[in-house]
Protein backbone atom coordinates (compact mmCIF):
# COMPACT_ATOMS: atom_id res chain seq x y z
CA MET A 1 -50.65 119.91 -69.02
CA SER A 2 -50.45 123.66 -68.91
CA TYR A 3 -47.84 125.68 -70.77
CA THR A 4 -45.53 128.22 -69.24
CA LYS A 5 -46.54 131.85 -69.80
CA ASN A 6 -43.26 132.63 -71.61
CA MET A 7 -43.83 129.80 -74.04
CA PHE A 8 -47.39 130.87 -74.95
CA ASP A 9 -46.36 134.57 -75.09
CA SER A 10 -43.67 133.64 -77.67
CA ILE A 11 -46.12 131.74 -79.75
CA LYS A 12 -48.54 134.67 -79.65
CA GLU A 13 -45.85 137.21 -80.51
CA SER A 14 -44.69 135.19 -83.52
CA LEU A 15 -48.06 135.78 -85.22
CA THR A 16 -47.32 139.52 -85.41
CA LEU A 17 -43.82 139.15 -86.83
CA ASP A 18 -42.75 138.93 -90.51
CA VAL A 19 -41.40 135.45 -90.96
CA LYS A 20 -38.45 134.48 -93.12
CA LYS A 21 -37.77 130.94 -94.33
CA GLN A 22 -38.73 127.73 -96.76
CA SER A 23 -38.37 123.48 -99.09
CA ASN A 24 -40.43 121.60 -101.55
CA SER A 25 -41.98 118.60 -99.80
CA PHE A 26 -45.79 118.37 -99.48
CA LYS A 27 -46.04 114.68 -98.57
CA ASP A 28 -47.08 115.32 -95.09
CA PHE A 29 -49.54 118.13 -95.55
CA LEU A 30 -53.09 117.48 -94.44
CA LYS A 31 -55.48 117.63 -97.35
CA CYS A 32 -58.99 118.84 -96.40
CA PRO A 33 -61.45 118.35 -99.38
CA ALA A 34 -64.76 120.18 -99.15
CA GLY A 35 -67.67 118.30 -97.63
CA ASN A 36 -65.61 116.96 -94.78
CA THR A 37 -65.10 117.89 -91.04
CA PHE A 38 -61.66 117.27 -89.61
CA VAL A 39 -60.57 117.30 -85.99
CA VAL A 40 -57.02 118.11 -84.97
CA ARG A 41 -55.00 119.46 -82.03
CA LEU A 42 -52.38 122.20 -82.67
CA ILE A 43 -48.82 121.27 -81.71
CA PRO A 44 -46.38 123.88 -80.34
CA ASN A 45 -42.75 123.98 -81.23
CA ILE A 46 -41.23 123.39 -77.83
CA LYS A 47 -37.64 123.98 -79.02
CA ASP A 48 -38.57 127.44 -80.33
CA ALA A 49 -42.11 128.44 -79.55
CA SER A 50 -41.84 131.40 -81.97
CA LYS A 51 -41.58 129.00 -84.83
CA THR A 52 -44.84 127.23 -84.00
CA PHE A 53 -46.41 128.91 -87.06
CA PHE A 54 -44.83 129.72 -90.48
CA HIS A 55 -46.41 132.70 -92.28
CA TYR A 56 -45.75 133.33 -95.96
CA TYR A 57 -46.90 135.13 -99.12
CA HIS A 58 -47.39 133.50 -102.50
CA TYR A 59 -47.89 134.52 -106.15
CA GLY A 60 -49.26 132.42 -109.05
CA TRP A 61 -50.49 132.87 -112.58
CA GLN A 62 -50.94 131.10 -115.90
CA SER A 63 -47.68 131.34 -117.81
CA VAL A 64 -47.95 133.25 -121.04
CA ALA A 65 -45.08 131.18 -122.36
CA THR A 66 -46.42 127.66 -121.57
CA GLY A 67 -50.07 128.17 -120.67
CA GLN A 68 -49.33 126.19 -117.41
CA TYR A 69 -49.75 127.42 -113.88
CA VAL A 70 -46.52 128.71 -112.28
CA ASP A 71 -45.95 129.88 -108.77
CA ILE A 72 -43.39 131.35 -106.38
CA LEU A 73 -43.10 132.58 -102.82
CA SER A 74 -42.86 136.35 -102.29
CA PRO A 75 -39.50 137.73 -100.96
CA LYS A 76 -41.53 139.68 -98.38
CA THR A 77 -42.01 136.26 -96.67
CA TRP A 78 -38.45 136.95 -95.49
CA GLY A 79 -38.91 140.65 -95.01
CA ASP A 80 -37.17 141.45 -98.36
CA LYS A 81 -38.09 143.79 -101.19
CA ASP A 82 -40.65 142.27 -103.49
CA PRO A 83 -40.02 142.92 -107.25
CA ILE A 84 -43.11 141.02 -108.27
CA GLU A 85 -45.29 143.21 -106.13
CA THR A 86 -43.48 146.28 -107.53
CA GLU A 87 -44.08 145.00 -111.16
CA ARG A 88 -47.68 144.31 -110.43
CA ILE A 89 -48.32 147.78 -109.06
CA LYS A 90 -46.53 149.31 -112.07
CA LEU A 91 -48.79 147.42 -114.52
CA TYR A 92 -51.92 148.41 -112.65
CA ARG A 93 -50.92 152.12 -112.81
CA ASP A 94 -50.59 151.89 -116.65
CA LYS A 95 -54.36 152.47 -116.98
CA SER A 96 -54.09 153.37 -120.61
CA ASN A 97 -52.66 150.00 -121.55
CA ASP A 98 -55.18 147.23 -121.63
CA LYS A 99 -52.47 144.60 -121.92
CA ALA A 100 -50.77 145.85 -118.81
CA ILE A 101 -53.92 145.81 -116.79
CA HIS A 102 -54.62 142.25 -118.04
CA LEU A 103 -51.16 141.07 -116.94
CA ALA A 104 -51.61 142.67 -113.53
CA LYS A 105 -54.91 140.88 -113.00
CA MET A 106 -53.31 137.53 -114.02
CA ILE A 107 -51.14 137.58 -110.92
CA SER A 108 -52.94 136.10 -107.91
CA THR A 109 -51.44 136.80 -104.44
CA LYS A 110 -52.23 134.94 -101.21
CA GLU A 111 -51.27 135.07 -97.63
CA LYS A 112 -51.03 131.68 -95.81
CA TRP A 113 -49.85 129.94 -92.67
CA LEU A 114 -48.45 126.54 -91.69
CA VAL A 115 -48.80 124.84 -88.28
CA ASN A 116 -48.21 121.22 -87.06
CA VAL A 117 -51.26 119.35 -86.01
CA TYR A 118 -51.98 115.99 -84.38
CA VAL A 119 -54.75 114.37 -86.49
CA ILE A 120 -57.62 113.05 -84.38
CA ASP A 121 -60.24 112.49 -87.10
CA ASP A 122 -59.54 112.61 -90.83
CA PRO A 123 -62.72 111.36 -92.55
CA ALA A 124 -61.06 111.61 -95.99
CA VAL A 125 -58.03 109.55 -95.12
CA PRO A 126 -58.62 107.68 -91.79
CA GLU A 127 -55.06 106.31 -91.93
CA ASN A 128 -53.87 109.75 -90.95
CA ASN A 129 -55.57 109.51 -87.56
CA GLY A 130 -52.92 109.48 -84.81
CA SER A 131 -50.24 111.08 -87.07
CA ILE A 132 -48.52 114.50 -87.17
CA LYS A 133 -49.39 116.61 -90.29
CA ILE A 134 -48.96 120.08 -91.51
CA LEU A 135 -52.04 122.24 -91.73
CA ARG A 136 -51.97 124.86 -94.38
CA TYR A 137 -54.57 127.53 -94.00
CA GLY A 138 -55.69 131.04 -95.03
CA SER A 139 -57.39 133.99 -93.57
CA GLN A 140 -60.61 132.33 -92.36
CA LEU A 141 -58.84 129.78 -90.11
CA ASP A 142 -56.19 132.37 -89.18
CA LYS A 143 -58.97 134.65 -87.78
CA ILE A 144 -60.30 131.71 -85.64
CA ILE A 145 -56.83 130.73 -84.36
CA ARG A 146 -55.82 134.26 -83.63
CA SER A 147 -59.00 134.87 -81.69
CA ALA A 148 -58.30 131.77 -79.54
CA ILE A 149 -54.78 132.94 -78.85
CA ALA A 150 -55.00 136.72 -78.37
CA GLY A 151 -58.62 137.80 -79.30
CA GLU A 152 -62.06 137.67 -77.83
CA ASP A 153 -61.90 133.87 -77.32
CA ALA A 154 -58.44 133.91 -75.58
CA GLU A 155 -59.89 133.83 -72.09
CA GLU A 156 -61.80 130.65 -72.89
CA TYR A 157 -59.05 128.87 -74.93
CA GLY A 158 -55.55 130.47 -74.84
CA PRO A 159 -52.80 128.03 -74.07
CA ALA A 160 -55.30 125.07 -74.10
CA ILE A 161 -55.32 124.97 -77.92
CA PHE A 162 -51.69 123.67 -77.81
CA ASP A 163 -52.23 121.32 -74.81
CA LEU A 164 -52.09 117.62 -75.80
CA SER A 165 -53.60 116.42 -72.52
CA GLU A 166 -57.22 116.10 -71.53
CA ASN A 167 -57.18 119.84 -70.64
CA GLY A 168 -56.52 120.75 -74.28
CA CYS A 169 -59.04 121.86 -76.94
CA ASN A 170 -59.42 120.42 -80.46
CA LEU A 171 -59.88 122.40 -83.57
CA ARG A 172 -62.81 121.25 -85.62
CA ILE A 173 -62.23 122.26 -89.25
CA LYS A 174 -65.48 122.25 -91.25
CA VAL A 175 -64.87 122.46 -94.97
CA GLU A 176 -67.81 123.69 -96.96
CA SER A 177 -68.29 124.45 -100.60
CA THR A 178 -70.23 127.59 -101.43
CA LYS A 179 -71.09 129.25 -104.79
CA GLU A 180 -71.25 132.85 -106.04
CA GLY A 181 -72.87 132.73 -109.47
CA SER A 182 -70.87 130.22 -111.54
CA ARG A 183 -67.89 130.23 -109.17
CA ALA A 184 -67.32 127.76 -106.29
CA PHE A 185 -65.46 128.53 -103.15
CA VAL A 186 -64.17 126.54 -100.22
CA ASN A 187 -65.28 128.03 -96.85
CA TYR A 188 -63.88 127.38 -93.43
CA SER A 189 -65.80 129.99 -91.43
CA ALA A 190 -67.88 127.41 -89.57
CA SER A 191 -64.76 125.89 -87.98
CA ARG A 192 -64.17 126.37 -84.27
CA PHE A 193 -62.30 125.20 -81.22
CA LEU A 194 -64.12 122.69 -78.95
CA ARG A 195 -64.36 122.17 -75.21
CA PRO A 196 -61.43 120.44 -73.42
CA SER A 197 -61.21 116.71 -74.09
CA ALA A 198 -58.73 113.86 -73.96
CA ILE A 199 -57.12 112.60 -77.19
CA PRO A 200 -57.68 108.79 -77.68
CA ASN A 201 -54.56 106.80 -76.63
CA MET A 202 -52.59 109.93 -75.76
CA THR A 203 -50.27 109.04 -72.93
CA PRO A 204 -47.42 111.11 -71.40
CA ASP A 205 -44.85 109.09 -73.35
CA ARG A 206 -46.87 109.72 -76.56
CA ILE A 207 -47.12 113.41 -75.86
CA ASN A 208 -43.29 113.39 -75.55
CA GLU A 209 -43.06 111.66 -79.03
CA VAL A 210 -45.48 114.07 -80.65
CA LEU A 211 -43.78 117.20 -79.25
CA ASN A 212 -40.47 116.04 -80.50
CA GLY A 213 -41.67 114.68 -83.84
CA ILE A 214 -43.00 117.88 -85.40
CA HIS A 215 -42.07 118.96 -88.96
CA ASP A 216 -39.59 121.82 -89.46
CA LEU A 217 -41.88 124.40 -90.95
CA ALA A 218 -38.99 126.81 -91.72
CA ASN A 219 -37.58 124.33 -94.28
CA ILE A 220 -40.81 123.38 -96.21
CA PHE A 221 -40.13 125.88 -99.10
CA THR A 222 -37.07 126.85 -101.11
CA ARG A 223 -36.26 130.52 -100.96
CA PRO A 224 -36.23 131.83 -104.50
CA SER A 225 -33.09 133.75 -105.68
CA PRO A 226 -33.21 137.06 -107.47
CA ASN A 227 -32.52 135.21 -110.73
CA ASP A 228 -35.46 132.87 -110.11
CA ILE A 229 -37.77 135.83 -109.67
CA LYS A 230 -36.40 137.53 -112.76
CA THR A 231 -36.96 134.31 -114.79
CA MET A 232 -40.59 134.02 -113.52
CA VAL A 233 -41.44 137.59 -114.53
CA SER A 234 -39.53 137.66 -117.79
CA THR A 235 -40.42 134.23 -119.18
CA HIS A 236 -43.82 133.50 -117.60
CA LEU A 237 -45.33 136.94 -117.39
CA TYR A 238 -43.95 138.73 -120.38
CA GLY A 239 -43.07 135.67 -122.54
CA LYS A 240 -39.46 136.72 -123.08
CA ASP A 241 -36.52 134.38 -123.72
CA ASP A 242 -33.12 134.64 -121.97
CA GLU A 243 -32.07 137.47 -124.41
CA GLY A 244 -35.11 139.43 -123.44
CA SER A 245 -36.85 139.01 -126.82
CA SER A 246 -40.48 137.86 -127.19
CA SER A 247 -40.58 134.18 -127.90
CA ASN A 248 -43.35 131.93 -129.19
CA ASP A 249 -40.93 129.03 -129.22
CA ASN A 250 -41.29 128.30 -125.54
CA GLN A 251 -44.66 126.71 -125.75
CA GLY A 252 -43.26 123.27 -124.88
CA MET A 253 -41.00 124.33 -122.05
CA GLU A 254 -41.79 123.28 -118.46
CA PRO A 255 -42.87 126.09 -116.10
CA VAL A 256 -40.64 127.13 -113.18
CA ARG A 257 -42.06 125.38 -110.15
CA LEU A 258 -39.96 127.04 -107.45
CA ASN A 259 -42.31 126.57 -104.64
CA THR A 260 -44.94 124.17 -105.89
CA GLU A 261 -48.48 124.85 -104.60
CA THR A 262 -51.65 122.99 -105.45
CA LYS A 263 -53.21 124.86 -108.35
CA PRO A 264 -56.18 126.78 -107.16
CA VAL A 265 -59.35 124.97 -108.31
CA ALA A 266 -62.04 127.30 -107.54
CA SER A 267 -61.35 129.72 -104.65
CA THR A 268 -59.42 132.91 -104.04
CA LYS A 269 -61.19 133.51 -100.71
CA SER A 270 -59.80 130.60 -98.81
CA GLU A 271 -57.39 127.69 -99.46
CA PRO A 272 -57.21 123.99 -99.08
CA VAL A 273 -54.84 122.49 -96.60
CA ILE A 274 -51.83 120.23 -97.32
CA LYS A 275 -48.08 118.32 -95.90
CA SER A 276 -43.80 117.80 -95.03
CA GLU A 277 -40.94 115.63 -93.86
CA PRO A 278 -40.73 114.96 -90.10
CA ALA A 279 -37.81 116.74 -88.40
CA PRO A 280 -37.12 115.40 -84.86
CA VAL A 281 -36.22 118.11 -82.43
CA SER A 282 -32.86 117.78 -80.80
CA THR A 283 -32.65 119.11 -77.11
CA GLY A 284 -29.12 120.38 -77.63
CA ASP A 285 -27.97 119.57 -74.07
CA ASN A 286 -27.64 116.57 -71.70
CA LYS A 287 -31.16 116.77 -70.32
CA SER A 288 -33.66 114.07 -71.34
CA ASP A 289 -36.62 114.89 -73.44
CA ASP A 290 -38.83 114.31 -70.37
CA ASP A 291 -36.82 116.86 -68.40
CA LYS A 292 -36.97 119.41 -71.22
CA ILE A 293 -40.72 118.92 -71.44
CA LYS A 294 -41.23 119.14 -67.73
CA GLU A 295 -39.49 122.43 -67.71
CA LEU A 296 -41.80 123.84 -70.41
CA LEU A 297 -45.04 122.01 -69.50
CA ALA A 298 -46.42 121.59 -66.06
CA GLY A 299 -48.90 118.97 -64.94
CA LEU A 300 -47.98 115.97 -67.03
């Protein structure tokens, strides 16, 4: 099964674009604890190849009001102005104010991606084998995937990393734990794509089911409103109440969990991976799924 050039080019181009979207369901994210090696096959979005990946930016910090971890997606995920980034820069520039510098350093910022994967081997949860999950990943895996699509490894892999037939290439995700002093980090740099191989029990009918059973990555997260962002900064960064005054009475309030992420355990260099609700893809015309796939994929 080889993909049309237009479809692959659309996937490749989407990695260079600012994406704009998001929901709050992590049930179907693939969790990859350190000390395990996972094998998956990337799944393209055949309805809109440019939506094969979802790229987003994320902030998180310990709330000064509650002491709990709060997080929110950055508006620049959608190409909008980012008031949190503006506030962070302003705090850093106030070099004479130790408190301002402390607040700026509290805010962690990460860049992440989502992609649908077919799970071939999940040693942590074997029941996931043969299912469609969402892989959340950071810069280390992004570098490996980009290299296979449009970098120095593109000639060897290219469209094959999205091919569900015996001509496709699996991604082997090796999750290692490393230490720097007293700090532990999760490392994915030893991960790589493998030689072409067949997926166990993958038939043409099953390929059809998988391609049309992917999760809608554009609706995993809820887009925060300007008021949501204002509340996050005012309440959880500056410890202000609704009237703008400093409050020590908020110690028992729940943090705003606008786009709930797993709280970072030990790493800021790379992230764990996680999950979402299935969203069957409608063809939108009178052609059968088989006909639609045959137009996009050759050689089934």
